[in-house]
């Protein structure tokens, strides 16, 4: 499937490195703030292999996660991506970087792959991953 984003693009939260121009000529009067906005949907490009399947998308104020599922099975996660603001450590990547484009999130993928069920939630600059049935051997557990 395809994930689209639009709206305020500051801090990379749209998941695209360059926001295309709107085509409207304002005589060069656009402020930087206006150039960081996308008024029409822009398709997000994921790393190679990241477009085969379907997504569940969750977002906080300035950051986003996309969980990629294998096409045929809703409960089989193929990968987790994150982008946008990271100044508060929102990406769980052991840094405080802003990500302008989707990046594979190996830390969350490892936790999800070791669980029998999970849910990912975002609010403001906070994210929470709830996992059930953790198994440190890499498969589902009780």
N, C-alpha and C. Protein backbone atom coordinates (compact mmCIF):
# COMPACT_ATOMS: atom_id res chain seq x y z
N UNK A 1 0.81 -1.18 0.00
CA UNK A 1 0.00 0.00 0.00
C UNK A 1 0.86 1.25 0.00
N UNK A 2 0.23 2.38 -0.08
CA UNK A 2 0.92 3.66 -0.09
C UNK A 2 0.45 4.49 1.09
N UNK A 3 1.41 5.12 1.77
CA UNK A 3 1.11 6.03 2.87
C UNK A 3 1.34 7.44 2.35
N UNK A 4 0.38 8.32 2.58
CA UNK A 4 0.49 9.71 2.16
C UNK A 4 0.55 10.60 3.40
N UNK A 5 1.22 11.74 3.26
CA UNK A 5 1.22 12.72 4.34
C UNK A 5 0.94 14.10 3.77
N UNK A 6 0.47 14.99 4.63
CA UNK A 6 0.18 16.36 4.22
C UNK A 6 0.04 17.21 5.46
N UNK A 7 0.17 18.51 5.30
CA UNK A 7 0.08 19.44 6.42
C UNK A 7 1.42 20.03 6.78
N UNK A 8 1.65 20.23 8.06
CA UNK A 8 2.86 20.87 8.58
C UNK A 8 4.04 19.91 8.48
N UNK A 9 5.10 20.33 7.82
CA UNK A 9 6.26 19.48 7.60
C UNK A 9 7.48 19.80 8.42
N UNK A 10 7.37 20.71 9.38
CA UNK A 10 8.56 21.05 10.17
C UNK A 10 9.06 19.83 10.93
N UNK A 11 10.34 19.77 11.15
CA UNK A 11 11.01 18.70 11.88
C UNK A 11 10.91 17.34 11.17
N UNK A 12 10.56 17.34 9.89
CA UNK A 12 10.52 16.11 9.12
C UNK A 12 9.30 15.26 9.34
N UNK A 13 8.26 15.80 9.99
CA UNK A 13 7.14 14.94 10.35
C UNK A 13 6.29 14.46 9.18
N UNK A 14 6.49 15.00 7.99
CA UNK A 14 5.76 14.49 6.82
C UNK A 14 6.43 13.25 6.23
N UNK A 15 7.69 13.00 6.59
CA UNK A 15 8.38 11.82 6.09
C UNK A 15 8.93 11.96 4.69
N UNK A 16 9.02 13.18 4.20
CA UNK A 16 9.61 13.43 2.88
C UNK A 16 10.72 14.45 3.04
N UNK A 17 11.81 14.27 2.29
CA UNK A 17 12.94 15.17 2.44
C UNK A 17 12.71 16.52 1.78
N UNK A 18 11.90 16.55 0.70
CA UNK A 18 11.60 17.81 0.00
C UNK A 18 10.10 17.87 -0.24
N UNK A 19 9.49 18.97 0.15
CA UNK A 19 8.07 19.17 -0.09
C UNK A 19 7.92 19.85 -1.45
N UNK A 20 7.19 19.23 -2.38
CA UNK A 20 7.06 19.83 -3.72
C UNK A 20 6.33 21.16 -3.67
N UNK A 21 6.68 22.07 -4.58
CA UNK A 21 5.99 23.37 -4.62
C UNK A 21 4.53 23.18 -5.00
N UNK A 22 3.70 24.10 -4.57
CA UNK A 22 2.27 24.00 -4.84
C UNK A 22 1.91 24.40 -6.26
N UNK A 23 2.84 25.05 -6.96
CA UNK A 23 2.57 25.50 -8.31
C UNK A 23 2.00 26.90 -8.34
N UNK A 24 1.71 27.46 -7.18
CA UNK A 24 1.15 28.81 -7.11
C UNK A 24 2.29 29.80 -6.95
N UNK A 25 2.38 30.76 -7.85
CA UNK A 25 3.44 31.77 -7.80
C UNK A 25 2.98 32.93 -6.94
N UNK A 26 3.70 33.17 -5.86
CA UNK A 26 3.34 34.27 -4.98
C UNK A 26 4.37 35.40 -5.06
N UNK A 27 5.16 35.39 -6.14
CA UNK A 27 6.14 36.46 -6.33
C UNK A 27 7.30 36.39 -5.35
N UNK A 28 7.59 35.20 -4.83
CA UNK A 28 8.71 35.04 -3.91
C UNK A 28 8.40 35.49 -2.50
N UNK A 29 7.13 35.67 -2.16
CA UNK A 29 6.77 36.17 -0.83
C UNK A 29 6.54 35.05 0.19
N UNK A 30 6.64 33.78 -0.23
CA UNK A 30 6.41 32.67 0.70
C UNK A 30 7.41 32.71 1.83
N UNK A 31 6.91 32.53 3.02
CA UNK A 31 7.81 32.42 4.16
C UNK A 31 8.31 30.99 4.24
N UNK A 32 9.38 30.76 5.01
CA UNK A 32 9.88 29.41 5.21
C UNK A 32 8.78 28.52 5.79
N UNK A 33 8.00 29.07 6.69
CA UNK A 33 6.92 28.31 7.30
C UNK A 33 5.94 27.78 6.25
N UNK A 34 5.59 28.60 5.26
CA UNK A 34 4.68 28.13 4.22
C UNK A 34 5.34 27.06 3.35
N UNK A 35 6.64 27.17 3.11
CA UNK A 35 7.34 26.17 2.29
C UNK A 35 7.43 24.83 3.02
N UNK A 36 7.23 24.80 4.34
CA UNK A 36 7.27 23.56 5.11
C UNK A 36 5.91 22.89 5.19
N UNK A 37 4.95 23.38 4.43
CA UNK A 37 3.60 22.82 4.47
C UNK A 37 3.26 22.16 3.14
N UNK A 38 2.55 21.06 3.23
CA UNK A 38 2.08 20.36 2.03
C UNK A 38 0.56 20.41 2.04
N UNK A 39 -0.01 21.06 1.05
CA UNK A 39 -1.47 21.21 0.98
C UNK A 39 -2.14 20.09 0.22
N UNK A 40 -1.37 19.22 -0.39
CA UNK A 40 -1.91 18.05 -1.09
C UNK A 40 -1.16 16.82 -0.60
N UNK A 41 -1.78 15.64 -0.65
CA UNK A 41 -1.11 14.42 -0.17
C UNK A 41 0.17 14.11 -0.95
N UNK A 42 1.22 13.76 -0.22
CA UNK A 42 2.51 13.40 -0.79
C UNK A 42 2.79 11.95 -0.42
N UNK A 43 3.09 11.08 -1.40
CA UNK A 43 3.41 9.69 -1.05
C UNK A 43 4.75 9.61 -0.32
N UNK A 44 4.79 8.82 0.73
CA UNK A 44 6.02 8.63 1.50
C UNK A 44 6.78 7.46 0.89
N UNK A 45 8.07 7.65 0.70
CA UNK A 45 8.93 6.58 0.17
C UNK A 45 9.64 5.90 1.33
N UNK A 46 9.42 4.61 1.44
CA UNK A 46 10.05 3.82 2.48
C UNK A 46 11.33 3.20 1.94
N UNK A 47 12.24 2.76 2.82
CA UNK A 47 13.45 2.07 2.35
C UNK A 47 13.08 0.87 1.49
N UNK A 48 14.03 0.34 0.68
CA UNK A 48 13.74 -0.80 -0.19
C UNK A 48 13.04 -1.93 0.56
N UNK A 49 12.00 -2.46 -0.06
CA UNK A 49 11.23 -3.54 0.54
C UNK A 49 10.14 -3.04 1.46
N UNK A 50 10.07 -1.75 1.68
CA UNK A 50 9.12 -1.19 2.63
C UNK A 50 7.76 -0.88 2.06
N UNK A 51 7.52 -1.15 0.79
CA UNK A 51 6.22 -0.83 0.21
C UNK A 51 5.36 -2.05 -0.07
N UNK A 52 5.85 -3.24 0.29
CA UNK A 52 5.10 -4.46 0.03
C UNK A 52 4.36 -4.88 1.29
N UNK A 53 3.07 -4.67 1.33
CA UNK A 53 2.27 -5.02 2.49
C UNK A 53 1.29 -3.91 2.81
N UNK A 54 0.78 -3.91 4.02
CA UNK A 54 -0.12 -2.83 4.43
C UNK A 54 0.34 -2.28 5.77
N UNK A 55 -0.03 -1.04 6.04
CA UNK A 55 0.49 -0.29 7.17
C UNK A 55 -0.57 0.04 8.20
N UNK A 56 -0.11 0.15 9.44
CA UNK A 56 -0.86 0.79 10.51
C UNK A 56 -0.02 2.00 10.89
N UNK A 57 -0.60 3.18 10.88
CA UNK A 57 0.14 4.42 11.14
C UNK A 57 -0.35 5.04 12.43
N UNK A 58 0.59 5.42 13.31
CA UNK A 58 0.25 6.14 14.54
C UNK A 58 1.17 7.35 14.62
N UNK A 59 0.64 8.46 15.15
CA UNK A 59 1.43 9.69 15.16
C UNK A 59 1.24 10.46 16.46
N UNK A 60 2.33 11.13 16.85
CA UNK A 60 2.28 12.08 17.95
C UNK A 60 2.20 13.48 17.35
N UNK A 61 2.56 14.48 18.13
CA UNK A 61 2.49 15.85 17.63
C UNK A 61 3.42 16.08 16.45
N UNK A 62 4.66 15.61 16.53
CA UNK A 62 5.65 15.91 15.50
C UNK A 62 6.40 14.68 15.00
N UNK A 63 5.90 13.49 15.24
CA UNK A 63 6.59 12.28 14.81
C UNK A 63 5.58 11.20 14.47
N UNK A 64 6.02 10.20 13.69
CA UNK A 64 5.11 9.17 13.19
C UNK A 64 5.79 7.81 13.21
N UNK A 65 5.01 6.77 13.45
CA UNK A 65 5.44 5.38 13.29
C UNK A 65 4.53 4.73 12.26
N UNK A 66 5.11 3.85 11.45
CA UNK A 66 4.34 3.03 10.53
C UNK A 66 4.76 1.59 10.74
N UNK A 67 3.78 0.74 11.05
CA UNK A 67 4.03 -0.69 11.23
C UNK A 67 3.64 -1.37 9.93
N UNK A 68 4.60 -2.02 9.28
CA UNK A 68 4.35 -2.71 8.02
C UNK A 68 4.04 -4.18 8.29
N UNK A 69 2.87 -4.61 7.83
CA UNK A 69 2.46 -6.00 7.98
C UNK A 69 2.67 -6.74 6.66
N UNK A 70 2.94 -8.04 6.75
CA UNK A 70 3.03 -8.88 5.56
C UNK A 70 1.67 -8.84 4.89
N UNK A 71 1.64 -8.75 3.57
CA UNK A 71 0.39 -8.57 2.82
C UNK A 71 -0.70 -9.55 3.19
N UNK A 72 -0.37 -10.81 3.33
CA UNK A 72 -1.40 -11.82 3.50
C UNK A 72 -1.85 -12.01 4.95
N UNK A 73 -1.07 -11.53 5.92
CA UNK A 73 -1.41 -11.79 7.31
C UNK A 73 -1.31 -10.52 8.14
N UNK A 74 -2.43 -10.08 8.70
CA UNK A 74 -2.49 -8.84 9.49
C UNK A 74 -1.63 -8.93 10.76
N UNK A 75 -1.46 -10.13 11.31
CA UNK A 75 -0.74 -10.25 12.57
C UNK A 75 0.76 -10.51 12.41
N UNK A 76 1.28 -10.54 11.18
CA UNK A 76 2.70 -10.77 10.97
C UNK A 76 3.36 -9.45 10.58
N UNK A 77 4.19 -8.93 11.48
CA UNK A 77 4.85 -7.64 11.25
C UNK A 77 6.14 -7.87 10.47
N UNK A 78 6.30 -7.10 9.40
CA UNK A 78 7.50 -7.18 8.58
C UNK A 78 8.54 -6.17 9.02
N UNK A 79 8.10 -4.95 9.42
CA UNK A 79 9.05 -3.92 9.84
C UNK A 79 8.30 -2.78 10.54
N UNK A 80 9.07 -1.95 11.23
CA UNK A 80 8.56 -0.75 11.88
C UNK A 80 9.42 0.41 11.42
N UNK A 81 8.79 1.51 11.02
CA UNK A 81 9.50 2.71 10.57
C UNK A 81 9.10 3.89 11.44
N UNK A 82 9.99 4.85 11.57
CA UNK A 82 9.65 6.08 12.29
C UNK A 82 10.30 7.26 11.59
N UNK A 83 9.69 8.45 11.78
CA UNK A 83 10.22 9.68 11.22
C UNK A 83 9.63 10.87 11.97
N UNK A 84 10.25 12.02 11.74
CA UNK A 84 9.79 13.26 12.38
C UNK A 84 10.68 13.66 13.53
N UNK A 85 10.14 14.45 14.46
CA UNK A 85 10.90 14.98 15.58
C UNK A 85 11.40 13.85 16.48
N UNK A 86 12.60 14.03 16.99
CA UNK A 86 13.18 13.04 17.89
C UNK A 86 13.88 13.66 19.07
N UNK A 87 13.68 14.95 19.28
CA UNK A 87 14.37 15.67 20.34
C UNK A 87 14.12 15.15 21.74
N UNK A 88 13.02 14.44 21.93
CA UNK A 88 12.70 13.86 23.24
C UNK A 88 12.93 12.36 23.25
N UNK A 89 13.63 11.84 22.23
CA UNK A 89 13.89 10.40 22.15
C UNK A 89 12.70 9.59 21.66
N UNK A 90 11.75 10.22 20.97
CA UNK A 90 10.51 9.58 20.56
C UNK A 90 10.70 8.33 19.69
N UNK A 91 11.81 8.26 18.95
CA UNK A 91 11.99 7.13 18.03
C UNK A 91 12.52 5.87 18.70
N UNK A 92 12.94 5.97 19.96
CA UNK A 92 13.51 4.83 20.69
C UNK A 92 14.74 4.28 19.97
N UNK A 93 15.52 5.18 19.38
CA UNK A 93 16.74 4.77 18.66
C UNK A 93 18.01 5.16 19.41
N UNK A 94 17.89 5.44 20.70
CA UNK A 94 19.02 5.79 21.54
C UNK A 94 19.71 7.07 21.07
N UNK A 95 18.92 8.02 20.54
CA UNK A 95 19.45 9.33 20.15
C UNK A 95 18.31 10.36 20.20
N UNK A 96 18.63 11.57 19.86
CA UNK A 96 17.64 12.66 19.87
C UNK A 96 17.57 13.33 18.49
N UNK A 97 17.70 12.54 17.43
CA UNK A 97 17.74 13.08 16.08
C UNK A 97 16.34 13.24 15.49
N UNK A 98 16.18 14.27 14.66
CA UNK A 98 14.98 14.43 13.85
C UNK A 98 15.21 13.64 12.56
N UNK A 99 14.24 12.88 12.14
CA UNK A 99 14.36 12.06 10.93
C UNK A 99 13.42 12.61 9.87
N UNK A 100 13.98 13.11 8.75
CA UNK A 100 13.15 13.70 7.70
C UNK A 100 12.49 12.66 6.81
N UNK A 101 13.02 11.45 6.78
CA UNK A 101 12.44 10.37 5.98
C UNK A 101 12.32 9.12 6.85
N UNK A 102 11.45 8.18 6.49
CA UNK A 102 11.27 6.97 7.30
C UNK A 102 12.57 6.19 7.48
N UNK A 103 12.77 5.73 8.69
CA UNK A 103 13.94 4.92 9.03
C UNK A 103 13.47 3.65 9.72
N UNK A 104 14.09 2.51 9.36
CA UNK A 104 13.75 1.26 10.00
C UNK A 104 14.06 1.36 11.49
N UNK A 105 13.14 0.89 12.32
CA UNK A 105 13.30 0.98 13.76
C UNK A 105 13.54 -0.43 14.32
N UNK A 106 14.81 -0.82 14.34
CA UNK A 106 15.17 -2.17 14.76
C UNK A 106 14.86 -2.43 16.23
N UNK A 107 14.97 -1.39 17.08
CA UNK A 107 14.70 -1.58 18.50
C UNK A 107 13.25 -2.01 18.74
N UNK A 108 12.31 -1.29 18.13
CA UNK A 108 10.90 -1.65 18.31
C UNK A 108 10.57 -2.96 17.60
N UNK A 109 11.18 -3.20 16.45
CA UNK A 109 10.92 -4.43 15.72
C UNK A 109 11.35 -5.64 16.54
N UNK A 110 12.48 -5.54 17.24
CA UNK A 110 12.95 -6.63 18.09
C UNK A 110 11.95 -6.93 19.19
N UNK A 111 11.46 -5.88 19.86
CA UNK A 111 10.47 -6.08 20.93
C UNK A 111 9.18 -6.69 20.40
N UNK A 112 8.73 -6.21 19.25
CA UNK A 112 7.49 -6.73 18.66
C UNK A 112 7.65 -8.18 18.23
N UNK A 113 8.79 -8.52 17.65
CA UNK A 113 8.99 -9.88 17.16
C UNK A 113 9.07 -10.89 18.30
N UNK A 114 9.37 -10.44 19.50
CA UNK A 114 9.45 -11.33 20.67
C UNK A 114 8.12 -11.43 21.43
N UNK A 115 7.08 -10.82 20.91
CA UNK A 115 5.81 -10.80 21.63
C UNK A 115 4.74 -11.55 20.86
N UNK A 116 3.66 -11.89 21.56
CA UNK A 116 2.53 -12.52 20.90
C UNK A 116 1.50 -11.49 20.47
N UNK A 117 1.54 -10.31 21.08
CA UNK A 117 0.63 -9.22 20.71
C UNK A 117 1.25 -7.90 21.15
N UNK A 118 0.88 -6.82 20.46
CA UNK A 118 1.42 -5.51 20.81
C UNK A 118 0.44 -4.43 20.41
N UNK A 119 0.64 -3.25 20.99
CA UNK A 119 -0.05 -2.05 20.53
C UNK A 119 0.90 -0.88 20.71
N UNK A 120 0.89 0.02 19.76
CA UNK A 120 1.77 1.19 19.75
C UNK A 120 0.90 2.43 19.82
N UNK A 121 1.20 3.33 20.75
CA UNK A 121 0.40 4.53 20.95
C UNK A 121 1.29 5.76 21.01
N UNK A 122 0.78 6.88 20.53
CA UNK A 122 1.50 8.15 20.58
C UNK A 122 0.57 9.24 21.06
N UNK A 123 1.13 10.19 21.80
CA UNK A 123 0.38 11.37 22.23
C UNK A 123 1.39 12.45 22.55
N UNK A 124 1.20 13.64 22.00
CA UNK A 124 2.16 14.72 22.22
C UNK A 124 3.53 14.30 21.75
N UNK A 125 4.54 14.38 22.62
CA UNK A 125 5.89 13.94 22.27
C UNK A 125 6.22 12.62 22.96
N UNK A 126 5.20 11.84 23.28
CA UNK A 126 5.36 10.60 24.02
C UNK A 126 4.87 9.44 23.17
N UNK A 127 5.58 8.31 23.23
CA UNK A 127 5.15 7.09 22.57
C UNK A 127 5.24 5.94 23.57
N UNK A 128 4.35 4.98 23.43
CA UNK A 128 4.36 3.81 24.30
C UNK A 128 4.11 2.56 23.46
N UNK A 129 4.89 1.53 23.73
CA UNK A 129 4.71 0.23 23.08
C UNK A 129 4.30 -0.75 24.17
N UNK A 130 3.13 -1.33 24.02
CA UNK A 130 2.64 -2.33 24.96
C UNK A 130 2.79 -3.68 24.29
N UNK A 131 3.54 -4.59 24.92
CA UNK A 131 3.73 -5.93 24.37
C UNK A 131 3.20 -6.96 25.35
N UNK A 132 2.75 -8.07 24.81
CA UNK A 132 2.24 -9.16 25.64
C UNK A 132 2.90 -10.46 25.19
N UNK A 133 3.19 -11.33 26.14
CA UNK A 133 3.77 -12.63 25.79
C UNK A 133 5.22 -12.54 25.39
N UNK A 134 6.02 -11.75 26.10
CA UNK A 134 7.44 -11.61 25.75
C UNK A 134 8.18 -12.93 25.89
N UNK A 135 9.03 -13.19 24.91
CA UNK A 135 9.88 -14.37 24.90
C UNK A 135 11.26 -13.91 24.47
N UNK A 136 12.25 -13.99 25.31
CA UNK A 136 13.59 -13.51 24.99
C UNK A 136 14.31 -14.37 23.96
N UNK A 137 13.68 -15.47 23.51
CA UNK A 137 14.30 -16.32 22.51
C UNK A 137 13.89 -15.93 21.09
N UNK A 138 13.06 -14.91 20.94
CA UNK A 138 12.71 -14.41 19.61
C UNK A 138 11.37 -14.85 19.10
N UNK A 139 10.65 -15.68 19.81
CA UNK A 139 9.33 -16.09 19.36
C UNK A 139 8.29 -15.69 20.37
N UNK A 140 7.04 -15.96 20.07
CA UNK A 140 5.96 -15.61 20.99
C UNK A 140 6.05 -16.43 22.27
N UNK A 141 5.62 -15.88 23.37
CA UNK A 141 5.64 -16.57 24.66
C UNK A 141 4.33 -16.35 25.38
N UNK A 142 4.22 -16.86 26.55
CA UNK A 142 3.01 -16.72 27.36
C UNK A 142 3.11 -15.52 28.27
